[in-house]
Amino acid sequence: MTTSKKFVIAKQMGGKRIITNKGEELGRLSDILIDEKSGKIEAFLIETQRDSKVAKNLHKVQGMASVPFKSIIAVSDVIVADEALLV
């Protein structure tokens, strides 16, 4: 896969809603945190939904809430995170 194609895929994901498997909206995808050595995705950085109790407890990186990539269970029209793995 070429770099330009990866960029297009990442750009299409920007702004997607992120919800928990219990239906709570956490916010919208703003950026992706990648391990520079391995190239693996570590976390999704999100702009949080104001009234989300779960999102308020997430670790913050550069002022945004960090959703660990290990918690992501589905990506389609929305991104779904397993609430039990949001630590």
PDB file of N, CA and C in Angstrom:
ATOM      1  N   MET A   1       0.855  -1.180   0.000  1.00  0.00           N
ATOM      2  CA  MET A   1       0.000   0.000   0.000  1.00  0.00           C
ATOM      3  C   MET A   1       0.894   1.234   0.000  1.00  0.00           C
ATOM      4  N   THR A   2       0.597   2.189  -0.813  1.00  0.00           N
ATOM      5  CA  THR A   2       1.412   3.395  -0.899  1.00  0.00           C
ATOM      6  C   THR A   2       1.055   4.370   0.208  1.00  0.00           C
ATOM      7  N   THR A   3       1.978   5.258   0.503  1.00  0.00           N
ATOM      8  CA  THR A   3       1.767   6.255   1.542  1.00  0.00           C
ATOM      9  C   THR A   3       0.545   7.112   1.246  1.00  0.00           C
ATOM     10  N   SER A   4       0.355   7.510   0.003  1.00  0.00           N
ATOM     11  CA  SER A   4      -0.778   8.366  -0.333  1.00  0.00           C
ATOM     12  C   SER A   4      -2.103   7.658  -0.066  1.00  0.00           C
ATOM     13  N   LYS A   5      -2.173   6.358  -0.307  1.00  0.00           N
ATOM     14  CA  LYS A   5      -3.401   5.624  -0.043  1.00  0.00           C
ATOM     15  C   LYS A   5      -3.666   5.549   1.465  1.00  0.00           C
ATOM     16  N   LYS A   6      -2.626   5.349   2.275  1.00  0.00           N
ATOM     17  CA  LYS A   6      -2.784   5.330   3.732  1.00  0.00           C
ATOM     18  C   LYS A   6      -3.319   6.673   4.209  1.00  0.00           C
ATOM     19  N   PHE A   7      -2.800   7.768   3.624  1.00  0.00           N
ATOM     20  CA  PHE A   7      -3.244   9.102   4.006  1.00  0.00           C
ATOM     21  C   PHE A   7      -4.723   9.287   3.705  1.00  0.00           C
ATOM     22  N   VAL A   8      -5.176   8.801   2.572  1.00  0.00           N
ATOM     23  CA  VAL A   8      -6.584   8.919   2.193  1.00  0.00           C
ATOM     24  C   VAL A   8      -7.462   8.169   3.192  1.00  0.00           C
ATOM     25  N   ILE A   9      -7.046   6.968   3.581  1.00  0.00           N
ATOM     26  CA  ILE A   9      -7.826   6.186   4.550  1.00  0.00           C
ATOM     27  C   ILE A   9      -7.883   6.912   5.888  1.00  0.00           C
ATOM     28  N   ALA A  10      -6.751   7.416   6.365  1.00  0.00           N
ATOM     29  CA  ALA A  10      -6.713   8.132   7.636  1.00  0.00           C
ATOM     30  C   ALA A  10      -7.571   9.394   7.579  1.00  0.00           C
ATOM     31  N   LYS A  11      -7.525  10.088   6.450  1.00  0.00           N
ATOM     32  CA  LYS A  11      -8.314  11.312   6.298  1.00  0.00           C
ATOM     33  C   LYS A  11      -9.821  11.008   6.351  1.00  0.00           C
ATOM     34  N   GLN A  12     -10.228   9.873   5.783  1.00  0.00           N
ATOM     35  CA  GLN A  12     -11.640   9.483   5.804  1.00  0.00           C
ATOM     36  C   GLN A  12     -12.113   9.160   7.221  1.00  0.00           C
ATOM     37  N   MET A  13     -11.204   8.723   8.082  1.00  0.00           N
ATOM     38  CA  MET A  13     -11.564   8.387   9.462  1.00  0.00           C
ATOM     39  C   MET A  13     -11.713   9.619  10.331  1.00  0.00           C
ATOM     40  N   GLY A  14     -11.044  10.701   9.984  1.00  0.00           N
ATOM     41  CA  GLY A  14     -11.090  11.923  10.771  1.00  0.00           C
ATOM     42  C   GLY A  14     -12.515  12.416  10.963  1.00  0.00           C
ATOM     43  N   GLY A  15     -12.852  12.732  12.200  1.00  0.00           N
ATOM     44  CA  GLY A  15     -14.181  13.246  12.510  1.00  0.00           C
ATOM     45  C   GLY A  15     -15.223  12.178  12.796  1.00  0.00           C
ATOM     46  N   LYS A  16     -14.851  10.898  12.635  1.00  0.00           N
ATOM     47  CA  LYS A  16     -15.823   9.829  12.924  1.00  0.00           C
ATOM     48  C   LYS A  16     -16.190   9.830  14.398  1.00  0.00           C
ATOM     49  N   ARG A  17     -17.449   9.533  14.679  1.00  0.00           N
ATOM     50  CA  ARG A  17     -17.922   9.415  16.052  1.00  0.00           C
ATOM     51  C   ARG A  17     -17.326   8.164  16.686  1.00  0.00           C
ATOM     52  N   ILE A  18     -16.965   8.268  17.963  1.00  0.00           N
ATOM     53  CA  ILE A  18     -16.493   7.119  18.727  1.00  0.00           C
ATOM     54  C   ILE A  18     -17.471   6.896  19.862  1.00  0.00           C
ATOM     55  N   ILE A  19     -18.013   5.671  19.924  1.00  0.00           N
ATOM     56  CA  ILE A  19     -18.957   5.311  20.976  1.00  0.00           C
ATOM     57  C   ILE A  19     -18.443   4.065  21.700  1.00  0.00           C
ATOM     58  N   THR A  20     -18.990   3.817  22.892  1.00  0.00           N
ATOM     59  CA  THR A  20     -18.638   2.593  23.609  1.00  0.00           C
ATOM     60  C   THR A  20     -19.580   1.483  23.180  1.00  0.00           C
ATOM     61  N   ASN A  21     -19.208   0.257  23.520  1.00  0.00           N
ATOM     62  CA  ASN A  21     -20.075  -0.887  23.220  1.00  0.00           C
ATOM     63  C   ASN A  21     -21.364  -0.846  24.038  1.00  0.00           C
ATOM     64  N   LYS A  22     -21.458   0.084  24.993  1.00  0.00           N
ATOM     65  CA  LYS A  22     -22.684   0.262  25.775  1.00  0.00           C
ATOM     66  C   LYS A  22     -23.510   1.436  25.251  1.00  0.00           C
ATOM     67  N   GLY A  23     -23.032   2.054  24.157  1.00  0.00           N
ATOM     68  CA  GLY A  23     -23.813   3.099  23.498  1.00  0.00           C
ATOM     69  C   GLY A  23     -23.504   4.526  23.893  1.00  0.00           C
ATOM     70  N   GLU A  24     -22.548   4.744  24.788  1.00  0.00           N
ATOM     71  CA  GLU A  24     -22.228   6.120  25.185  1.00  0.00           C
ATOM     72  C   GLU A  24     -21.300   6.759  24.156  1.00  0.00           C
ATOM     73  N   GLU A  25     -21.660   7.954  23.714  1.00  0.00           N
ATOM     74  CA  GLU A  25     -20.820   8.666  22.754  1.00  0.00           C
ATOM     75  C   GLU A  25     -19.655   9.308  23.493  1.00  0.00           C
ATOM     76  N   LEU A  26     -18.435   8.990  23.055  1.00  0.00           N
ATOM     77  CA  LEU A  26     -17.234   9.543  23.678  1.00  0.00           C
ATOM     78  C   LEU A  26     -16.817  10.850  23.024  1.00  0.00           C
ATOM     79  N   GLY A  27     -16.946  10.929  21.704  1.00  0.00           N
ATOM     80  CA  GLY A  27     -16.540  12.128  20.981  1.00  0.00           C
ATOM     81  C   GLY A  27     -16.261  11.819  19.529  1.00  0.00           C
ATOM     82  N   ARG A  28     -15.363  12.614  18.929  1.00  0.00           N
ATOM     83  CA  ARG A  28     -15.015  12.434  17.515  1.00  0.00           C
ATOM     84  C   ARG A  28     -13.505  12.313  17.363  1.00  0.00           C
ATOM     85  N   LEU A  29     -13.104  11.436  16.448  1.00  0.00           N
ATOM     86  CA  LEU A  29     -11.697  11.193  16.181  1.00  0.00           C
ATOM     87  C   LEU A  29     -11.032  12.454  15.652  1.00  0.00           C
ATOM     88  N   SER A  30      -9.923  12.830  16.281  1.00  0.00           N
ATOM     89  CA  SER A  30      -9.190  14.009  15.859  1.00  0.00           C
ATOM     90  C   SER A  30      -7.815  13.647  15.312  1.00  0.00           C
ATOM     91  N   ASP A  31      -7.158  12.659  15.929  1.00  0.00           N
ATOM     92  CA  ASP A  31      -5.809  12.293  15.509  1.00  0.00           C
ATOM     93  C   ASP A  31      -5.536  10.849  15.916  1.00  0.00           C
ATOM     94  N   ILE A  32      -4.460  10.300  15.393  1.00  0.00           N
ATOM     95  CA  ILE A  32      -4.066   8.925  15.704  1.00  0.00           C
ATOM     96  C   ILE A  32      -2.652   8.957  16.251  1.00  0.00           C
ATOM     97  N   LEU A  33      -2.422   8.300  17.399  1.00  0.00           N
ATOM     98  CA  LEU A  33      -1.106   8.223  18.016  1.00  0.00           C
ATOM     99  C   LEU A  33      -0.451   6.922  17.578  1.00  0.00           C
ATOM    100  N   ILE A  34       0.726   7.033  16.938  1.00  0.00           N
ATOM    101  CA  ILE A  34       1.423   5.873  16.379  1.00  0.00           C
ATOM    102  C   ILE A  34       2.796   5.741  17.017  1.00  0.00           C
ATOM    103  N   ASP A  35       3.173   4.511  17.383  1.00  0.00           N
ATOM    104  CA  ASP A  35       4.511   4.235  17.902  1.00  0.00           C
ATOM    105  C   ASP A  35       5.507   4.417  16.760  1.00  0.00           C
ATOM    106  N   GLU A  36       6.450   5.321  16.921  1.00  0.00           N
ATOM    107  CA  GLU A  36       7.391   5.637  15.834  1.00  0.00           C
ATOM    108  C   GLU A  36       8.304   4.473  15.485  1.00  0.00           C
ATOM    109  N   LYS A  37       8.636   3.635  16.448  1.00  0.00           N
ATOM    110  CA  LYS A  37       9.549   2.519  16.192  1.00  0.00           C
ATOM    111  C   LYS A  37       8.858   1.368  15.479  1.00  0.00           C
ATOM    112  N   SER A  38       7.680   0.977  15.978  1.00  0.00           N
ATOM    113  CA  SER A  38       6.993  -0.190  15.413  1.00  0.00           C
ATOM    114  C   SER A  38       6.033   0.164  14.286  1.00  0.00           C
ATOM    115  N   GLY A  39       5.548   1.420  14.265  1.00  0.00           N
ATOM    116  CA  GLY A  39       4.565   1.832  13.274  1.00  0.00           C
ATOM    117  C   GLY A  39       3.142   1.413  13.633  1.00  0.00           C
ATOM    118  N   LYS A  40       2.976   0.845  14.824  1.00  0.00           N
ATOM    119  CA  LYS A  40       1.646   0.382  15.248  1.00  0.00           C
ATOM    120  C   LYS A  40       0.847   1.506  15.885  1.00  0.00           C
ATOM    121  N   ILE A  41      -0.463   1.447  15.668  1.00  0.00           N
ATOM    122  CA  ILE A  41      -1.358   2.431  16.275  1.00  0.00           C
ATOM    123  C   ILE A  41      -1.429   2.159  17.774  1.00  0.00           C
ATOM    124  N   GLU A  42      -1.214   3.208  18.579  1.00  0.00           N
ATOM    125  CA  GLU A  42      -1.303   3.084  20.025  1.00  0.00           C
ATOM    126  C   GLU A  42      -2.659   3.551  20.548  1.00  0.00           C
ATOM    127  N   ALA A  43      -3.153   4.654  19.977  1.00  0.00           N
ATOM    128  CA  ALA A  43      -4.396   5.224  20.495  1.00  0.00           C
ATOM    129  C   ALA A  43      -5.033   6.142  19.461  1.00  0.00           C
ATOM    130  N   PHE A  44      -6.329   6.354  19.651  1.00  0.00           N
ATOM    131  CA  PHE A  44      -7.056   7.366  18.903  1.00  0.00           C
ATOM    132  C   PHE A  44      -7.211   8.556  19.838  1.00  0.00           C
ATOM    133  N   LEU A  45      -6.886   9.742  19.366  1.00  0.00           N
ATOM    134  CA  LEU A  45      -7.068  10.962  20.150  1.00  0.00           C
ATOM    135  C   LEU A  45      -8.371  11.603  19.714  1.00  0.00           C
ATOM    136  N   ILE A  46      -9.197  11.926  20.700  1.00  0.00           N
ATOM    137  CA  ILE A  46     -10.539  12.407  20.377  1.00  0.00           C
ATOM    138  C   ILE A  46     -10.857  13.736  21.042  1.00  0.00           C
ATOM    139  N   GLU A  47     -11.741  14.466  20.379  1.00  0.00           N
ATOM    140  CA  GLU A  47     -12.374  15.634  20.983  1.00  0.00           C
ATOM    141  C   GLU A  47     -13.610  15.078  21.683  1.00  0.00           C
ATOM    142  N   THR A  48     -13.660  15.215  22.993  1.00  0.00           N
ATOM    143  CA  THR A  48     -14.694  14.531  23.770  1.00  0.00           C
ATOM    144  C   THR A  48     -16.065  15.188  23.692  1.00  0.00           C
ATOM    145  N   GLN A  49     -17.068  14.339  23.860  1.00  0.00           N
ATOM    146  CA  GLN A  49     -18.453  14.770  23.996  1.00  0.00           C
ATOM    147  C   GLN A  49     -18.574  15.383  25.396  1.00  0.00           C
ATOM    148  N   ARG A  50     -19.097  16.559  25.520  1.00  0.00           N
ATOM    149  CA  ARG A  50     -19.139  17.279  26.800  1.00  0.00           C
ATOM    150  C   ARG A  50     -19.792  16.514  27.940  1.00  0.00           C
ATOM    151  N   ASP A  51     -20.872  15.815  27.670  1.00  0.00           N
ATOM    152  CA  ASP A  51     -21.597  15.149  28.749  1.00  0.00           C
ATOM    153  C   ASP A  51     -21.217  13.683  28.932  1.00  0.00           C
ATOM    154  N   SER A  52     -20.124  13.238  28.345  1.00  0.00           N
ATOM    155  CA  SER A  52     -19.690  11.852  28.462  1.00  0.00           C
ATOM    156  C   SER A  52     -18.897  11.647  29.750  1.00  0.00           C
ATOM    157  N   LYS A  53     -19.460  10.877  30.673  1.00  0.00           N
ATOM    158  CA  LYS A  53     -18.778  10.579  31.938  1.00  0.00           C
ATOM    159  C   LYS A  53     -17.552   9.704  31.684  1.00  0.00           C
ATOM    160  N   VAL A  54     -17.659   8.778  30.756  1.00  0.00           N
ATOM    161  CA  VAL A  54     -16.543   7.884  30.448  1.00  0.00           C
ATOM    162  C   VAL A  54     -15.388   8.680  29.836  1.00  0.00           C
ATOM    163  N   ALA A  55     -15.681   9.556  28.905  1.00  0.00           N
ATOM    164  CA  ALA A  55     -14.637  10.334  28.225  1.00  0.00           C
ATOM    165  C   ALA A  55     -13.873  11.232  29.194  1.00  0.00           C
ATOM    166  N   LYS A  56     -14.551  11.741  30.208  1.00  0.00           N
ATOM    167  CA  LYS A  56     -13.896  12.617  31.189  1.00  0.00           C
ATOM    168  C   LYS A  56     -12.812  11.880  31.967  1.00  0.00           C
ATOM    169  N   ASN A  57     -12.917  10.556  32.071  1.00  0.00           N
ATOM    170  CA  ASN A  57     -11.949   9.770  32.828  1.00  0.00           C
ATOM    171  C   ASN A  57     -10.813   9.209  31.980  1.00  0.00           C
ATOM    172  N   LEU A  58     -10.816   9.485  30.687  1.00  0.00           N
ATOM    173  CA  LEU A  58      -9.767   8.971  29.810  1.00  0.00           C
ATOM    174  C   LEU A  58      -8.467   9.745  30.005  1.00  0.00           C
ATOM    175  N   HIS A  59      -7.350   9.072  29.786  1.00  0.00           N
ATOM    176  CA  HIS A  59      -6.019   9.683  29.830  1.00  0.00           C
ATOM    177  C   HIS A  59      -5.961  10.784  28.763  1.00  0.00           C
ATOM    178  N   LYS A  60      -5.304  11.886  29.069  1.00  0.00           N
ATOM    179  CA  LYS A  60      -5.202  13.003  28.120  1.00  0.00           C
ATOM    180  C   LYS A  60      -3.804  13.054  27.493  1.00  0.00           C
ATOM    181  N   VAL A  61      -3.761  13.303  26.195  1.00  0.00           N
ATOM    182  CA  VAL A  61      -2.522  13.491  25.443  1.00  0.00           C
ATOM    183  C   VAL A  61      -2.697  14.747  24.603  1.00  0.00           C
ATOM    184  N   GLN A  62      -1.828  15.720  24.779  1.00  0.00           N
ATOM    185  CA  GLN A  62      -1.892  16.978  24.034  1.00  0.00           C
ATOM    186  C   GLN A  62      -3.279  17.621  24.122  1.00  0.00           C
ATOM    187  N   GLY A  63      -3.897  17.531  25.286  1.00  0.00           N
ATOM    188  CA  GLY A  63      -5.195  18.149  25.518  1.00  0.00           C
ATOM    189  C   GLY A  63      -6.391  17.386  24.990  1.00  0.00           C
ATOM    190  N   MET A  64      -6.146  16.220  24.385  1.00  0.00           N
ATOM    191  CA  MET A  64      -7.246  15.407  23.870  1.00  0.00           C
ATOM    192  C   MET A  64      -7.321  14.097  24.644  1.00  0.00           C
ATOM    193  N   ALA A  65      -8.508  13.518  24.703  1.00  0.00           N
ATOM    194  CA  ALA A  65      -8.687  12.226  25.363  1.00  0.00           C
ATOM    195  C   ALA A  65      -8.103  11.126  24.488  1.00  0.00           C
ATOM    196  N   SER A  66      -7.450  10.165  25.148  1.00  0.00           N
ATOM    197  CA  SER A  66      -6.783   9.073  24.446  1.00  0.00           C
ATOM    198  C   SER A  66      -7.589   7.779  24.607  1.00  0.00           C
ATOM    199  N   VAL A  67      -8.019   7.212  23.486  1.00  0.00           N
ATOM    200  CA  VAL A  67      -8.736   5.937  23.475  1.00  0.00           C
ATOM    201  C   VAL A  67      -7.738   4.869  23.032  1.00  0.00           C
ATOM    202  N   PRO A  68      -7.333   3.964  23.951  1.00  0.00           N
ATOM    203  CA  PRO A  68      -6.337   2.947  23.581  1.00  0.00           C
ATOM    204  C   PRO A  68      -6.812   2.113  22.392  1.00  0.00           C
ATOM    205  N   PHE A  69      -5.902   1.877  21.451  1.00  0.00           N
ATOM    206  CA  PHE A  69      -6.272   1.123  20.261  1.00  0.00           C
ATOM    207  C   PHE A  69      -6.734  -0.286  20.602  1.00  0.00           C
ATOM    208  N   LYS A  70      -6.201  -0.862  21.699  1.00  0.00           N
ATOM    209  CA  LYS A  70      -6.602  -2.207  22.111  1.00  0.00           C
ATOM    210  C   LYS A  70      -8.088  -2.283  22.458  1.00  0.00           C
ATOM    211  N   SER A  71      -8.711  -1.134  22.723  1.00  0.00           N
ATOM    212  CA  SER A  71     -10.130  -1.121  23.086  1.00  0.00           C
ATOM    213  C   SER A  71     -11.055  -1.050  21.873  1.00  0.00           C
ATOM    214  N   ILE A  72     -10.513  -0.763  20.692  1.00  0.00           N
ATOM    215  CA  ILE A  72     -11.331  -0.606  19.484  1.00  0.00           C
ATOM    216  C   ILE A  72     -11.791  -1.983  19.004  1.00  0.00           C
ATOM    217  N   ILE A  73     -13.110  -2.153  18.893  1.00  0.00           N
ATOM    218  CA  ILE A  73     -13.652  -3.450  18.467  1.00  0.00           C
ATOM    219  C   ILE A  73     -14.323  -3.398  17.099  1.00  0.00           C
ATOM    220  N   ALA A  74     -14.615  -2.200  16.593  1.00  0.00           N
ATOM    221  CA  ALA A  74     -15.244  -2.098  15.271  1.00  0.00           C
ATOM    222  C   ALA A  74     -15.032  -0.705  14.703  1.00  0.00           C
ATOM    223  N   VAL A  75     -14.885  -0.660  13.374  1.00  0.00           N
ATOM    224  CA  VAL A  75     -14.787   0.616  12.657  1.00  0.00           C
ATOM    225  C   VAL A  75     -15.675   0.505  11.432  1.00  0.00           C
ATOM    226  N   SER A  76     -16.685   1.369  11.373  1.00  0.00           N
ATOM    227  CA  SER A  76     -17.561   1.447  10.195  1.00  0.00           C
ATOM    228  C   SER A  76     -18.031   2.890  10.111  1.00  0.00           C
ATOM    229  N   ASP A  77     -19.330   3.112  10.132  1.00  0.00           N
ATOM    230  CA  ASP A  77     -19.826   4.492  10.132  1.00  0.00           C
ATOM    231  C   ASP A  77     -19.441   5.200  11.426  1.00  0.00           C
ATOM    232  N   VAL A  78     -19.301   4.416  12.499  1.00  0.00           N
ATOM    233  CA  VAL A  78     -18.806   4.900  13.792  1.00  0.00           C
ATOM    234  C   VAL A  78     -17.689   3.967  14.240  1.00  0.00           C
ATOM    235  N   ILE A  79     -16.905   4.426  15.202  1.00  0.00           N
ATOM    236  CA  ILE A  79     -15.856   3.604  15.797  1.00  0.00           C
ATOM    237  C   ILE A  79     -16.375   3.153  17.159  1.00  0.00           C
ATOM    238  N   VAL A  80     -16.283   1.856  17.429  1.00  0.00           N
ATOM    239  CA  VAL A  80     -16.804   1.312  18.690  1.00  0.00           C
ATOM    240  C   VAL A  80     -15.628   0.857  19.561  1.00  0.00           C
ATOM    241  N   ALA A  81     -15.632   1.310  20.826  1.00  0.00           N
ATOM    242  CA  ALA A  81     -14.604   0.940  21.788  1.00  0.00           C
ATOM    243  C   ALA A  81     -15.234   0.133  22.917  1.00  0.00           C
ATOM    244  N   ASP A  82     -14.540  -0.919  23.359  1.00  0.00           N
ATOM    245  CA  ASP A  82     -14.985  -1.730  24.481  1.00  0.00           C
ATOM    246  C   ASP A  82     -14.759  -0.935  25.749  1.00  0.00           C
ATOM    247  N   GLU A  83     -15.834  -0.573  26.424  1.00  0.00           N
ATOM    248  CA  GLU A  83     -15.756   0.282  27.606  1.00  0.00           C
ATOM    249  C   GLU A  83     -14.882  -0.323  28.699  1.00  0.00           C
ATOM    250  N   ALA A  84     -14.861  -1.643  28.820  1.00  0.00           N
ATOM    251  CA  ALA A  84     -14.059  -2.307  29.860  1.00  0.00           C
ATOM    252  C   ALA A  84     -12.560  -2.134  29.625  1.00  0.00           C
ATOM    253  N   LEU A  85     -12.164  -1.834  28.381  1.00  0.00           N
ATOM    254  CA  LEU A  85     -10.733  -1.706  28.059  1.00  0.00           C
ATOM    255  C   LEU A  85     -10.263  -0.256  27.994  1.00  0.00           C
ATOM    256  N   LEU A  86     -11.121   0.674  28.392  1.00  0.00           N
ATOM    257  CA  LEU A  86     -10.773   2.094  28.357  1.00  0.00           C
ATOM    258  C   LEU A  86     -10.084   2.485  29.666  1.00  0.00           C
ATOM    259  N   VAL A  87      -8.856   2.065  29.816  1.00  0.00           N
ATOM    260  CA  VAL A  87      -8.094   2.378  31.039  1.00  0.00           C
ATOM    261  C   VAL A  87      -6.787   3.037  30.720  1.00  0.00           C
TER     262      VAL A  87
END
